[in-house]
N, C-alpha and C. Protein backbone atom coordinates (compact mmCIF):
# COMPACT_ATOMS: atom_id res chain seq x y z
N MET A 1 38.64 -130.66 234.93
CA MET A 1 38.88 -131.46 233.75
C MET A 1 39.18 -132.89 234.17
N SER A 2 38.54 -133.83 233.50
CA SER A 2 38.72 -135.24 233.87
C SER A 2 39.97 -135.82 233.22
N ALA A 3 40.40 -136.95 233.77
CA ALA A 3 41.58 -137.63 233.24
C ALA A 3 41.27 -138.21 231.86
N PRO A 4 42.28 -138.33 231.00
CA PRO A 4 42.05 -138.91 229.68
C PRO A 4 41.54 -140.35 229.78
N ARG A 5 40.65 -140.69 228.86
CA ARG A 5 40.09 -142.04 228.86
C ARG A 5 41.02 -143.01 228.13
N SER A 6 40.86 -144.27 228.47
CA SER A 6 41.55 -145.33 227.75
C SER A 6 40.64 -145.77 226.61
N ILE A 7 41.16 -145.75 225.41
CA ILE A 7 40.39 -146.07 224.22
C ILE A 7 40.79 -147.47 223.72
N GLN A 8 39.80 -148.30 223.44
CA GLN A 8 40.03 -149.62 222.87
C GLN A 8 39.66 -149.58 221.40
N LYS A 9 40.54 -150.09 220.54
CA LYS A 9 40.27 -150.12 219.10
C LYS A 9 40.55 -151.50 218.55
N ASN A 10 39.87 -151.81 217.46
CA ASN A 10 40.09 -153.07 216.73
C ASN A 10 40.46 -152.72 215.30
N LEU A 11 41.49 -153.37 214.83
CA LEU A 11 42.03 -153.13 213.50
C LEU A 11 42.00 -154.43 212.72
N ASP A 12 41.59 -154.38 211.45
CA ASP A 12 41.71 -155.54 210.57
C ASP A 12 43.05 -155.44 209.86
N LEU A 13 43.95 -156.34 210.20
CA LEU A 13 45.27 -156.41 209.57
C LEU A 13 45.18 -157.43 208.45
N ILE A 14 45.41 -156.98 207.22
CA ILE A 14 45.29 -157.84 206.05
C ILE A 14 46.69 -158.09 205.49
N ILE A 15 47.04 -159.36 205.40
CA ILE A 15 48.34 -159.78 204.86
C ILE A 15 48.08 -160.52 203.57
N GLU A 16 48.65 -160.02 202.47
CA GLU A 16 48.48 -160.66 201.17
C GLU A 16 49.82 -161.24 200.72
N VAL A 17 49.75 -162.46 200.20
CA VAL A 17 50.93 -163.16 199.69
C VAL A 17 50.67 -163.51 198.23
N TYR A 18 51.59 -163.13 197.36
CA TYR A 18 51.47 -163.43 195.93
C TYR A 18 52.59 -164.38 195.54
N VAL A 19 52.24 -165.46 194.84
CA VAL A 19 53.23 -166.45 194.42
C VAL A 19 53.08 -166.71 192.92
N LYS A 20 54.17 -166.53 192.21
CA LYS A 20 54.21 -166.87 190.78
C LYS A 20 55.32 -167.90 190.63
N ASP A 21 54.91 -169.16 190.59
CA ASP A 21 55.85 -170.27 190.58
C ASP A 21 55.16 -171.47 189.96
N ARG A 22 55.93 -172.36 189.42
CA ARG A 22 55.34 -173.57 188.84
C ARG A 22 54.57 -174.37 189.89
N ASN A 23 55.08 -174.39 191.11
CA ASN A 23 54.43 -175.08 192.24
C ASN A 23 53.75 -174.07 193.16
N TYR A 24 52.98 -173.16 192.58
CA TYR A 24 52.39 -172.06 193.34
C TYR A 24 51.56 -172.52 194.52
N ASP A 25 50.82 -173.63 194.38
CA ASP A 25 49.98 -174.08 195.49
C ASP A 25 50.82 -174.54 196.68
N PHE A 26 51.88 -175.28 196.42
CA PHE A 26 52.76 -175.75 197.49
C PHE A 26 53.48 -174.57 198.15
N VAL A 27 54.02 -173.68 197.34
CA VAL A 27 54.77 -172.53 197.86
C VAL A 27 53.84 -171.61 198.66
N LEU A 28 52.65 -171.36 198.15
CA LEU A 28 51.69 -170.50 198.85
C LEU A 28 51.30 -171.10 200.19
N ASP A 29 51.00 -172.38 200.22
CA ASP A 29 50.65 -173.04 201.49
C ASP A 29 51.79 -172.94 202.49
N LYS A 30 53.02 -173.12 202.03
CA LYS A 30 54.18 -173.05 202.92
C LYS A 30 54.35 -171.65 203.51
N ILE A 31 54.24 -170.63 202.67
CA ILE A 31 54.39 -169.25 203.15
C ILE A 31 53.27 -168.89 204.12
N LEU A 32 52.03 -169.22 203.79
CA LEU A 32 50.90 -168.91 204.67
C LEU A 32 51.05 -169.61 206.01
N LYS A 33 51.53 -170.83 206.01
CA LYS A 33 51.74 -171.55 207.27
C LYS A 33 52.79 -170.84 208.12
N GLU A 34 53.87 -170.39 207.49
CA GLU A 34 54.92 -169.68 208.23
C GLU A 34 54.40 -168.37 208.82
N VAL A 35 53.62 -167.63 208.04
CA VAL A 35 53.06 -166.36 208.53
C VAL A 35 52.13 -166.62 209.71
N LYS A 36 51.26 -167.63 209.59
CA LYS A 36 50.32 -167.94 210.67
C LYS A 36 51.06 -168.37 211.94
N GLU A 37 52.13 -169.14 211.79
CA GLU A 37 52.91 -169.55 212.95
C GLU A 37 53.55 -168.34 213.64
N LYS A 38 54.12 -167.42 212.85
CA LYS A 38 54.75 -166.22 213.43
C LYS A 38 53.71 -165.35 214.13
N MET A 39 52.56 -165.17 213.49
CA MET A 39 51.51 -164.34 214.11
C MET A 39 50.98 -165.00 215.38
N PHE A 40 50.89 -166.34 215.40
CA PHE A 40 50.39 -167.03 216.59
C PHE A 40 51.38 -166.91 217.74
N THR A 41 52.67 -167.00 217.45
CA THR A 41 53.67 -166.94 218.53
C THR A 41 53.90 -165.53 219.04
N ASP A 42 53.42 -164.51 218.31
CA ASP A 42 53.55 -163.11 218.77
C ASP A 42 52.19 -162.43 218.68
N ARG A 43 51.22 -162.98 219.40
CA ARG A 43 49.85 -162.45 219.35
C ARG A 43 49.74 -161.02 219.85
N LEU A 44 50.70 -160.57 220.65
CA LEU A 44 50.67 -159.19 221.15
C LEU A 44 51.45 -158.24 220.25
N ILE A 45 51.99 -158.75 219.17
CA ILE A 45 52.70 -157.96 218.15
C ILE A 45 53.70 -157.01 218.81
N ASN A 46 54.75 -157.60 219.37
CA ASN A 46 55.81 -156.84 220.07
C ASN A 46 55.26 -155.97 221.19
N ASN A 47 54.23 -156.46 221.88
CA ASN A 47 53.58 -155.75 222.99
C ASN A 47 52.92 -154.44 222.56
N LEU A 48 52.59 -154.30 221.29
CA LEU A 48 51.87 -153.13 220.81
C LEU A 48 50.36 -153.36 220.83
N ALA A 49 49.95 -154.63 220.91
CA ALA A 49 48.53 -154.98 220.89
C ALA A 49 48.16 -155.72 222.17
N LYS A 50 46.87 -155.73 222.46
CA LYS A 50 46.35 -156.51 223.60
C LYS A 50 46.07 -157.94 223.18
N ASP A 51 45.70 -158.14 221.90
CA ASP A 51 45.42 -159.47 221.39
C ASP A 51 45.32 -159.40 219.87
N SER A 52 45.51 -160.53 219.21
CA SER A 52 45.29 -160.63 217.77
C SER A 52 44.93 -162.08 217.46
N PHE A 53 44.09 -162.25 216.45
CA PHE A 53 43.71 -163.59 216.05
C PHE A 53 43.26 -163.60 214.59
N LEU A 54 43.46 -164.75 213.94
CA LEU A 54 43.08 -164.92 212.54
C LEU A 54 41.57 -165.00 212.43
N THR A 55 40.99 -164.17 211.55
CA THR A 55 39.54 -164.21 211.35
C THR A 55 39.17 -164.87 210.02
N THR A 56 39.96 -164.65 208.97
CA THR A 56 39.66 -165.28 207.68
C THR A 56 40.95 -165.61 206.93
N GLN A 57 40.84 -166.65 206.11
CA GLN A 57 41.91 -167.01 205.19
C GLN A 57 41.26 -167.29 203.85
N GLU A 58 41.82 -166.69 202.80
CA GLU A 58 41.26 -166.87 201.47
C GLU A 58 42.41 -167.15 200.50
N ILE A 59 42.21 -168.12 199.64
CA ILE A 59 43.20 -168.45 198.62
C ILE A 59 42.50 -168.37 197.27
N THR A 60 43.10 -167.60 196.36
CA THR A 60 42.56 -167.48 195.01
C THR A 60 43.70 -167.69 194.01
N TYR A 61 43.31 -167.97 192.79
CA TYR A 61 44.28 -168.20 191.72
C TYR A 61 43.88 -167.38 190.51
N ASN A 62 44.89 -166.83 189.83
CA ASN A 62 44.65 -166.08 188.61
C ASN A 62 45.45 -166.74 187.50
N GLY A 63 44.76 -167.34 186.54
CA GLY A 63 45.41 -168.05 185.47
C GLY A 63 45.66 -167.23 184.23
N GLU A 64 45.35 -165.93 184.28
CA GLU A 64 45.60 -165.08 183.12
C GLU A 64 47.10 -164.84 182.98
N GLY A 65 47.55 -164.70 181.77
CA GLY A 65 48.97 -164.45 181.55
C GLY A 65 49.73 -165.74 181.31
N ASP A 66 51.05 -165.64 181.35
CA ASP A 66 51.89 -166.78 181.01
C ASP A 66 52.03 -167.80 182.13
N GLN A 67 51.75 -167.40 183.38
CA GLN A 67 51.90 -168.32 184.51
C GLN A 67 50.85 -168.00 185.58
N THR A 68 50.31 -169.05 186.20
CA THR A 68 49.30 -168.87 187.24
C THR A 68 49.91 -168.19 188.46
N ILE A 69 49.14 -167.27 189.03
CA ILE A 69 49.55 -166.58 190.26
C ILE A 69 48.60 -167.00 191.37
N GLY A 70 49.16 -167.48 192.46
CA GLY A 70 48.37 -167.82 193.63
C GLY A 70 48.39 -166.66 194.61
N VAL A 71 47.24 -166.32 195.16
CA VAL A 71 47.14 -165.21 196.11
C VAL A 71 46.52 -165.73 197.40
N GLY A 72 47.22 -165.54 198.50
CA GLY A 72 46.71 -165.90 199.81
C GLY A 72 46.47 -164.65 200.63
N THR A 73 45.31 -164.54 201.24
CA THR A 73 44.97 -163.39 202.05
C THR A 73 44.60 -163.86 203.46
N LEU A 74 45.31 -163.35 204.45
CA LEU A 74 45.02 -163.61 205.85
C LEU A 74 44.53 -162.32 206.48
N THR A 75 43.41 -162.39 207.19
CA THR A 75 42.89 -161.22 207.89
C THR A 75 42.91 -161.50 209.38
N TYR A 76 43.56 -160.61 210.11
CA TYR A 76 43.68 -160.72 211.57
C TYR A 76 42.93 -159.57 212.22
N ASN A 77 42.25 -159.87 213.32
CA ASN A 77 41.67 -158.84 214.16
C ASN A 77 42.72 -158.51 215.23
N VAL A 78 43.09 -157.24 215.30
CA VAL A 78 44.08 -156.79 216.28
C VAL A 78 43.42 -155.80 217.22
N GLU A 79 43.44 -156.12 218.51
CA GLU A 79 42.87 -155.22 219.52
C GLU A 79 44.02 -154.47 220.19
N TYR A 80 43.87 -153.14 220.25
CA TYR A 80 44.88 -152.35 220.96
C TYR A 80 44.20 -151.22 221.71
N HIS A 81 44.90 -150.68 222.69
CA HIS A 81 44.40 -149.61 223.55
C HIS A 81 45.36 -148.44 223.49
N HIS A 82 44.81 -147.26 223.64
CA HIS A 82 45.67 -146.08 223.78
C HIS A 82 44.93 -145.06 224.64
N THR A 83 45.64 -144.08 225.11
CA THR A 83 45.06 -143.03 225.93
C THR A 83 44.49 -141.94 225.03
N GLU A 84 43.31 -141.46 225.38
CA GLU A 84 42.66 -140.40 224.61
C GLU A 84 43.61 -139.21 224.43
N GLY A 85 43.70 -138.73 223.21
CA GLY A 85 44.55 -137.58 222.93
C GLY A 85 45.95 -137.96 222.46
N THR A 86 46.27 -139.27 222.48
CA THR A 86 47.56 -139.72 221.96
C THR A 86 47.34 -140.40 220.63
N LEU A 87 48.41 -140.58 219.90
CA LEU A 87 48.27 -141.30 218.62
C LEU A 87 47.87 -142.72 218.88
N GLY A 88 46.92 -143.21 218.14
CA GLY A 88 46.48 -144.57 218.36
C GLY A 88 45.80 -145.18 217.23
């Protein structure tokens, strides 16, 4: 029987931010900037990943209802490895 293989996987981590505020565009930009800074300074995600990087950023607005809601979506590619037969 051969030794277990090392498996490499890529995960799309999607972070959504919802803002309902009079200054939704300013608040949304501020929150997204903070999230991107935190993700950049911990690219290994507490040493659980081999690498991570931002692949897309999308900002949308929904004006239905009594107040506009701003939605920011950040998608990160996260690469991680695990041994075959273990949770991963």
